[in-house]
Protein backbone atom coordinates (compact mmCIF):
# COMPACT_ATOMS: atom_id res chain seq x y z
CA MET A 1 57.98 8.34 19.04
CA ASN A 2 57.92 4.34 19.97
CA LYS A 3 55.20 2.44 18.26
CA GLU A 4 53.57 1.79 21.78
CA SER A 5 53.24 5.57 21.87
CA LYS A 6 51.78 6.12 18.56
CA TYR A 7 49.21 3.55 19.28
CA TYR A 8 47.94 5.56 22.39
CA LEU A 9 48.15 8.77 20.51
CA ASN A 10 45.94 7.10 17.73
CA LEU A 11 43.49 5.98 20.36
CA MET A 12 42.87 9.18 22.12
CA ILE A 13 42.69 10.60 18.50
CA LYS A 14 39.80 8.62 17.83
CA PHE A 15 38.20 9.09 21.00
CA LEU A 16 38.12 12.71 20.70
CA ILE A 17 36.88 12.45 17.39
CA LEU A 18 33.57 10.42 18.46
CA ALA A 19 33.45 12.93 21.67
CA PHE A 20 33.11 15.88 18.79
CA ILE A 21 30.62 13.61 17.07
CA ALA A 22 28.33 12.97 20.19
CA LEU A 23 28.66 16.72 21.27
CA GLY A 24 27.41 17.53 17.25
CA ILE A 25 24.86 15.29 17.46
CA TYR A 26 23.45 16.64 20.68
CA LEU A 27 23.91 20.28 19.72
CA THR A 28 22.37 19.24 16.70
CA TYR A 29 19.11 17.79 18.35
CA LYS A 30 19.36 21.04 20.68
CA VAL A 31 19.31 23.85 17.66
CA ALA A 32 16.42 21.27 15.77
CA ILE A 33 14.65 21.65 19.11
CA PHE A 34 14.97 25.46 19.50
CA TYR A 35 13.79 25.52 15.78
CA ILE A 36 11.04 23.47 15.58
CA PRO A 37 8.60 25.73 13.31
CA PHE A 38 11.66 25.87 10.83
CA VAL A 39 12.27 22.50 10.99
CA ILE A 40 8.58 21.29 10.56
CA ALA A 41 8.18 24.11 8.00
CA PHE A 42 11.10 22.68 5.93
CA ILE A 43 9.42 18.61 6.12
CA ILE A 44 6.48 20.41 5.10
CA ALA A 45 8.10 22.37 1.89
CA SER A 46 9.63 19.16 1.14
CA ILE A 47 6.66 17.26 0.90
CA ALA A 48 5.05 19.77 -1.14
CA GLU A 49 7.69 20.26 -3.50
CA PRO A 50 6.98 17.23 -5.90
CA LEU A 51 3.33 18.97 -6.11
CA ILE A 52 4.58 22.38 -6.98
CA LYS A 53 7.04 20.79 -9.63
CA PHE A 54 4.19 18.95 -11.43
CA PHE A 55 1.99 21.79 -11.41
CA MET A 56 5.28 23.93 -13.08
CA LYS A 57 5.69 21.36 -15.78
CA LYS A 58 1.79 20.46 -16.42
CA LEU A 59 0.39 23.71 -15.88
CA LYS A 60 3.39 25.66 -16.94
CA LEU A 61 2.73 27.97 -13.97
CA LYS A 62 5.31 30.15 -12.18
CA ARG A 63 6.75 29.00 -9.22
CA LYS A 64 5.26 31.14 -6.79
CA LEU A 65 1.77 30.53 -8.10
CA ALA A 66 2.12 26.88 -8.15
CA SER A 67 3.35 27.37 -4.38
CA ILE A 68 0.24 28.91 -3.56
CA LEU A 69 -1.88 26.62 -5.38
CA SER A 70 0.02 23.21 -3.58
CA LEU A 71 -0.44 24.80 -0.52
CA LEU A 72 -4.20 25.83 -0.89
CA LEU A 73 -4.58 21.75 -2.43
CA ILE A 74 -2.77 20.25 0.96
CA LEU A 75 -4.44 22.62 3.04
CA THR A 76 -7.76 21.75 1.92
CA LEU A 77 -7.47 18.09 1.92
CA LEU A 78 -5.73 18.42 5.43
CA ILE A 79 -9.22 20.49 6.78
CA GLY A 80 -11.21 17.44 4.73
CA LEU A 81 -9.93 14.77 6.52
CA CYS A 82 -9.65 16.41 9.64
CA THR A 83 -13.62 17.27 9.32
CA LEU A 84 -14.44 13.69 8.24
CA LEU A 85 -12.03 12.60 10.78
CA ILE A 86 -14.53 14.75 13.24
CA THR A 87 -17.64 14.20 11.97
CA ASN A 88 -17.12 10.29 12.16
CA LEU A 89 -15.76 10.70 16.03
CA ILE A 90 -18.81 12.69 17.02
CA SER A 91 -21.13 10.00 15.33
CA GLU A 92 -19.16 7.08 16.90
CA ALA A 93 -19.12 9.37 20.41
CA THR A 94 -22.74 9.28 20.06
CA SER A 95 -23.54 5.90 19.74
CA LEU A 96 -20.90 4.89 22.46
CA ILE A 97 -22.67 7.45 24.89
CA ASP A 98 -25.92 5.39 24.32
CA SER A 99 -24.56 2.34 24.88
CA LEU A 100 -22.86 3.78 28.04
CA ASN A 101 -25.49 4.83 29.59
CA VAL A 102 -27.23 0.79 29.56
CA TYR A 103 -23.84 -0.37 30.63
CA PHE A 104 -23.88 2.43 33.66
CA LYS A 105 -27.74 0.97 34.37
CA GLY A 106 -26.25 -2.40 34.91
CA PHE A 107 -23.47 -0.80 37.03
CA TYR A 108 -26.17 1.02 38.85
CA ASP A 109 -28.70 -1.91 39.48
CA THR A 110 -25.92 -4.13 40.41
CA GLY A 111 -24.64 -1.72 43.33
CA ILE A 112 -28.50 -1.34 44.34
CA GLN A 113 -28.66 -5.16 44.48
CA LEU A 114 -25.81 -5.55 46.43
CA LEU A 115 -26.57 -2.74 49.11
CA ASP A 116 -30.04 -4.25 49.30
CA ASP A 117 -28.29 -7.87 49.99
CA LEU A 118 -26.05 -5.83 52.74
CA GLN A 119 -28.66 -4.19 54.63
CA ASN A 120 -31.03 -7.44 54.69
CA GLY A 121 -28.28 -9.75 55.57
CA ARG A 122 -27.98 -12.08 52.72
CA LEU A 123 -24.55 -11.15 52.40
CA GLU A 124 -22.18 -10.85 55.13
CA ILE A 125 -18.49 -9.45 54.45
CA PRO A 126 -15.36 -10.64 56.44
CA GLU A 127 -13.90 -7.87 58.06
CA GLU A 128 -10.51 -8.27 56.76
CA PHE A 129 -11.85 -8.03 53.63
CA VAL A 130 -13.70 -4.68 54.89
CA GLU A 131 -10.40 -3.42 56.01
CA LEU A 132 -8.91 -4.13 53.31
CA ALA A 133 -11.15 -2.55 50.98
CA ASN A 134 -11.15 0.75 53.07
CA ASN A 135 -7.24 0.72 52.82
CA SER A 136 -7.74 0.25 48.83
CA PHE A 137 -10.32 3.16 48.59
CA SER A 138 -7.75 4.93 50.75
CA ALA A 139 -5.02 4.61 48.36
CA PHE A 140 -7.20 4.96 45.14
CA LEU A 141 -8.65 8.64 46.51
CA ASN A 142 -4.94 9.76 46.92
CA SER A 143 -4.09 8.25 42.84
CA ALA A 144 -7.30 10.25 41.96
CA LYS A 145 -6.19 13.00 43.82
CA ASP A 146 -2.59 13.07 42.13
CA VAL A 147 -4.16 12.25 38.72
CA VAL A 148 -6.93 15.03 39.28
CA LEU A 149 -3.68 17.74 40.08
CA SER A 150 -1.88 16.32 37.49
CA ILE A 151 -4.65 16.74 34.59
CA LEU A 152 -5.37 20.33 35.96
CA THR A 153 -1.56 21.52 36.08
CA SER A 154 -1.12 20.13 32.18
CA THR A 155 -4.84 22.09 31.13
CA LEU A 156 -3.40 25.10 33.17
CA ASN A 157 0.12 24.47 30.98
CA PHE A 158 -1.48 24.03 27.68
CA PHE A 159 -3.72 27.37 28.42
CA THR A 160 -0.45 29.35 29.01
CA SER A 161 1.21 27.81 26.40
CA ILE A 162 -1.74 28.87 23.69
CA PRO A 163 0.06 32.07 22.94
CA SER A 164 3.01 30.42 22.10
CA LEU A 165 1.29 27.55 19.79
CA LEU A 166 0.41 30.18 17.75
CA THR A 167 2.94 32.21 17.36
CA ASN A 168 4.84 28.87 16.54
CA GLY A 169 2.13 28.08 14.07
CA CYS A 170 2.62 31.39 12.46
CA ILE A 171 6.02 31.52 12.42
CA MET A 172 6.08 28.00 10.81
CA LEU A 173 3.36 28.87 8.05
CA LEU A 174 4.93 31.67 6.96
CA ALA A 175 8.27 29.83 6.75
CA VAL A 176 6.63 27.11 4.33
CA VAL A 177 5.58 29.71 2.17
CA PHE A 178 8.92 31.84 2.10
CA ILE A 179 10.61 28.12 1.64
CA CYS A 180 8.29 26.78 -1.03
CA PHE A 181 8.56 30.35 -3.04
CA ASP A 182 12.18 30.56 -2.98
CA ARG A 183 13.51 27.10 -2.56
CA ASP A 184 16.21 27.47 -5.07
CA TYR A 185 17.25 30.68 -3.00
CA VAL A 186 17.22 28.95 0.26
CA LYS A 187 19.44 25.67 -1.29
CA ASN A 188 22.28 27.94 -3.01
CA ILE A 189 22.46 29.52 0.92
CA PHE A 190 23.33 26.32 2.00
CA LYS A 191 25.16 25.36 -0.55
CA LYS A 192 27.62 28.36 -0.65
CA HIS A 193 28.08 28.44 3.32
CA VAL A 194 27.83 24.48 4.28
CA PRO A 195 30.37 22.05 2.97
CA LYS A 196 29.53 20.01 0.31
CA GLU A 197 30.05 16.59 2.15
CA TRP A 198 27.94 18.04 4.92
CA LEU A 199 25.21 18.57 2.72
CA SER A 200 25.47 15.26 1.10
CA ASN A 201 25.33 13.74 4.43
CA ILE A 202 22.69 15.65 5.70
CA LYS A 203 20.07 14.55 2.85
CA LYS A 204 21.29 10.95 3.19
CA VAL A 205 20.60 11.12 6.33
CA PHE A 206 16.91 12.73 6.22
CA SER A 207 16.08 10.31 2.88
CA GLN A 208 17.13 7.30 5.40
CA MET A 209 15.16 8.92 8.03
CA CYS A 210 11.64 9.17 6.08
CA SER A 211 12.71 5.83 4.42
CA VAL A 212 13.16 4.20 7.84
CA SER A 213 9.99 5.97 9.55
CA PHE A 214 8.22 4.83 6.84
CA ARG A 215 8.53 0.71 6.81
CA TYR A 216 8.14 1.43 10.68
CA ILE A 217 4.87 2.31 10.17
CA LYS A 218 4.43 0.04 7.68
CA ALA A 219 5.67 -2.77 10.05
CA GLU A 220 3.56 -1.30 12.83
CA ALA A 221 0.39 -1.56 10.64
CA LYS A 222 0.96 -4.94 9.42
CA LEU A 223 1.20 -6.02 13.25
CA SER A 224 -2.48 -4.03 13.91
CA GLY A 225 -3.64 -6.22 11.01
CA ILE A 226 -2.51 -9.08 12.65
CA CYS A 227 -4.31 -7.96 15.70
CA PHE A 228 -7.56 -7.42 14.08
CA VAL A 229 -7.67 -10.85 12.64
CA PHE A 230 -6.45 -12.81 15.43
CA VAL A 231 -9.31 -10.67 18.17
CA LEU A 232 -12.03 -11.11 15.54
CA VAL A 233 -11.31 -15.24 14.62
CA SER A 234 -11.13 -15.47 18.70
CA LEU A 235 -14.49 -13.55 19.14
CA LEU A 236 -16.38 -15.14 16.97
CA LEU A 237 -14.82 -18.38 17.98
CA LEU A 238 -16.17 -17.47 21.11
CA SER A 239 -19.59 -16.31 19.63
CA VAL A 240 -20.27 -19.53 18.32
CA VAL A 241 -19.30 -22.06 21.30
CA GLY A 242 -22.24 -19.80 23.01
CA PHE A 243 -20.80 -17.02 24.82
CA ASN A 244 -22.17 -13.54 24.72
CA ILE A 245 -20.08 -11.29 22.78
CA SER A 246 -21.48 -8.37 21.66
CA TYR A 247 -20.33 -6.27 18.29
CA PRO A 248 -17.36 -8.70 17.95
CA ILE A 249 -16.38 -6.94 14.53
CA ILE A 250 -16.45 -3.77 15.98
CA MET A 251 -14.62 -4.48 18.93
CA ALA A 252 -11.93 -6.07 16.73
CA ILE A 253 -11.62 -3.10 14.22
CA LEU A 254 -11.25 -1.09 17.81
CA ILE A 255 -8.59 -3.02 19.34
CA GLY A 256 -6.77 -3.89 15.80
CA PHE A 257 -6.83 0.16 15.69
CA VAL A 258 -5.80 0.90 19.65
CA ASP A 259 -3.14 -1.99 19.16
CA LEU A 260 -1.02 0.61 17.54
CA LEU A 261 -0.24 2.66 20.38
CA PRO A 262 3.33 1.85 22.00
CA LEU A 263 3.62 -0.28 25.40
CA PHE A 264 -0.37 -0.15 26.13
CA GLY A 265 -1.57 -1.87 23.05
CA ALA A 266 -4.65 -3.80 22.81
CA GLY A 267 -4.87 -3.89 26.59
CA VAL A 268 -6.12 -0.42 26.50
CA VAL A 269 -9.22 -2.09 25.21
CA MET A 270 -9.30 -5.39 26.52
CA ILE A 271 -8.82 -5.33 30.09
CA PRO A 272 -11.34 -3.05 30.97
CA TRP A 273 -13.59 -4.80 29.06
CA ALA A 274 -12.59 -8.01 31.03
CA LEU A 275 -12.95 -6.34 33.88
CA TYR A 276 -16.54 -5.13 33.05
CA SER A 277 -17.58 -8.38 32.19
CA LEU A 278 -16.29 -9.63 35.63
CA VAL A 279 -18.23 -7.32 37.48
CA SER A 280 -20.96 -7.42 35.86
CA GLY A 281 -21.43 -11.11 36.17
CA ASN A 282 -20.41 -12.29 32.47
CA MET A 283 -17.39 -14.45 34.60
CA LEU A 284 -16.73 -16.32 31.33
CA VAL A 285 -16.72 -13.89 29.09
CA GLY A 286 -14.45 -11.67 31.08
CA ILE A 287 -11.91 -14.39 31.44
CA ALA A 288 -12.05 -15.11 27.96
CA VAL A 289 -10.93 -11.80 26.77
CA PHE A 290 -8.51 -11.21 29.17
CA VAL A 291 -6.88 -14.87 27.83
CA ILE A 292 -7.33 -13.40 24.45
CA TRP A 293 -5.29 -10.46 25.21
CA CYS A 294 -2.35 -12.39 27.08
CA ILE A 295 -2.14 -14.53 24.03
CA TRP A 296 -1.76 -11.54 22.12
CA ALA A 297 0.50 -10.30 23.97
CA VAL A 298 3.01 -12.93 24.04
CA ILE A 299 2.53 -13.52 20.32
CA LYS A 300 3.26 -9.42 19.85
CA SER A 301 6.42 -9.46 21.83
CA LEU A 302 7.75 -12.44 19.74
CA ILE A 303 6.87 -10.97 16.14
CA GLU A 304 7.02 -7.45 16.46
CA PRO A 305 10.99 -7.21 16.79
CA HIS A 306 11.46 -9.63 13.77
CA PHE A 307 8.47 -7.65 11.73
CA VAL A 308 9.99 -4.53 12.79
CA SER A 309 13.92 -5.52 11.89
CA LYS A 310 12.48 -6.96 8.66
CA GLN A 311 10.94 -3.67 7.45
CA MET A 312 13.98 -1.94 8.76
CA GLY A 313 16.96 -3.75 7.65
CA MET A 314 18.21 -4.60 11.29
CA HIS A 315 18.25 -7.70 13.54
CA PRO A 316 15.45 -8.48 15.56
CA LEU A 317 17.98 -8.07 18.65
CA PHE A 318 19.17 -4.55 17.84
CA THR A 319 15.62 -3.83 17.18
CA LEU A 320 14.81 -4.84 20.62
CA ILE A 321 18.03 -3.14 21.76
CA GLY A 322 16.50 0.24 20.03
CA MET A 323 13.45 0.01 21.76
CA TYR A 324 14.12 -0.92 25.31
CA THR A 325 17.10 2.16 24.87
CA GLY A 326 14.38 4.43 23.41
CA PHE A 327 11.91 3.99 26.11
CA LYS A 328 14.81 4.37 28.83
CA LEU A 329 15.50 7.56 27.53
CA PHE A 330 12.29 9.16 25.95
CA GLY A 331 9.48 7.07 27.49
CA VAL A 332 6.87 5.68 25.38
CA LEU A 333 7.61 7.91 22.12
CA GLY A 334 11.16 6.25 21.99
CA LEU A 335 9.76 2.83 21.20
CA ILE A 336 9.63 4.45 18.05
CA LEU A 337 12.23 6.69 18.04
CA GLY A 338 15.09 4.29 19.40
CA PRO A 339 14.99 1.50 16.97
CA ILE A 340 15.19 4.38 14.10
CA SER A 341 17.83 6.21 15.84
CA PHE A 342 19.91 2.93 15.85
CA LEU A 343 19.08 2.16 12.00
CA ILE A 344 20.37 6.01 10.95
CA LEU A 345 23.64 5.68 13.03
CA LYS A 346 23.94 2.19 11.45
CA ASN A 347 23.93 3.53 8.10
CA VAL A 348 25.66 6.91 9.01
CA PHE A 349 28.76 5.35 10.67
CA SER A 350 28.40 2.06 8.12
CA GLU A 351 31.70 1.64 7.77
CA LEU A 352 32.74 1.82 11.17
CA PHE A 353 30.20 -1.00 11.77
CA ALA A 354 31.60 -3.42 8.85
CA LYS A 355 34.90 -2.72 10.66
CA GLY A 356 33.94 -3.47 14.04
CA ILE A 357 33.70 -0.58 16.60
CA LEU A 358 35.79 -1.52 19.53
CA LYS A 359 38.58 -3.34 16.46
CA THR A 360 38.52 0.08 14.80
CA LEU A 361 39.45 1.52 17.96
CA PHE A 362 41.56 -0.87 19.99
CA GLU A 363 43.28 -2.78 17.33
CA LYS A 364 46.77 -1.80 16.75
CA GLU A 365 47.47 -1.08 13.12
């Protein structure tokens, strides 16, 4: 076999290896989704493991008793946090409903005044505007019908999936208990049947995934904090110069928290707020809020890739590519999964990236 034939044979072998790796990743993903209760159970058991070891070492408890104590403690903490969250949510919702009554009254009074002006001839609307409004209203009704149908379908699907969710939940809880009780047995089963190198790589990928996820959340939390400070300072400045801004601190906290949402961000709160201000007659406030949102949207689009890449140890360009790829493949959730997946692949195939992917594949040896 001549040198040229060897080159093409090696090239074909490399492509076959890559194809098998891609197939392996795809099958792993499918199997993980199929056995999702056990995957979640393994993650929960891994989180509880340090606490179990602590009780075994400090209190000299047997593993099963330490596992029960640890799981009960974690469950109690989760129930306590959920109770606290729900209580605060109900309190905030009650306060918001009281405030909404005032806002709705304002909308109602504005609508009544508008109808009165139309009836008494103090306000004339061009026919072109009326036709445009009719067409827009018709389009709005069609969109609303689609949204309602979508909500009803989702609700029906949710209720029909409750038995399946309960079954998966019970299986997951039992799996958590069994894994915690006999972790050494489970580890030995894996060691017995899975190649040592595979276990090492799985442990490495899992560790990196947890680390990268934590750093990503940390970066987004920092961005949320910057958003809170920026919005708060902007609203306080508007209040100082004479703008009628209600609850600037509460609004800044709400906007900073909502900014954690991928894709939508602060606009979920600020755009409706601006529109309401314009409709209710506070035109300057509406314009000011909209301008603040536009400025923050531009700032966030510029600094987010840098912030995320700094925490994840990846160049901003590749972070941006990861976010875009994830969004295209998985929607809004992909904005989070994309960069994390890119970094995991980069670490798993670090040698290939270090040498150069195309150079490793195509360069003649």
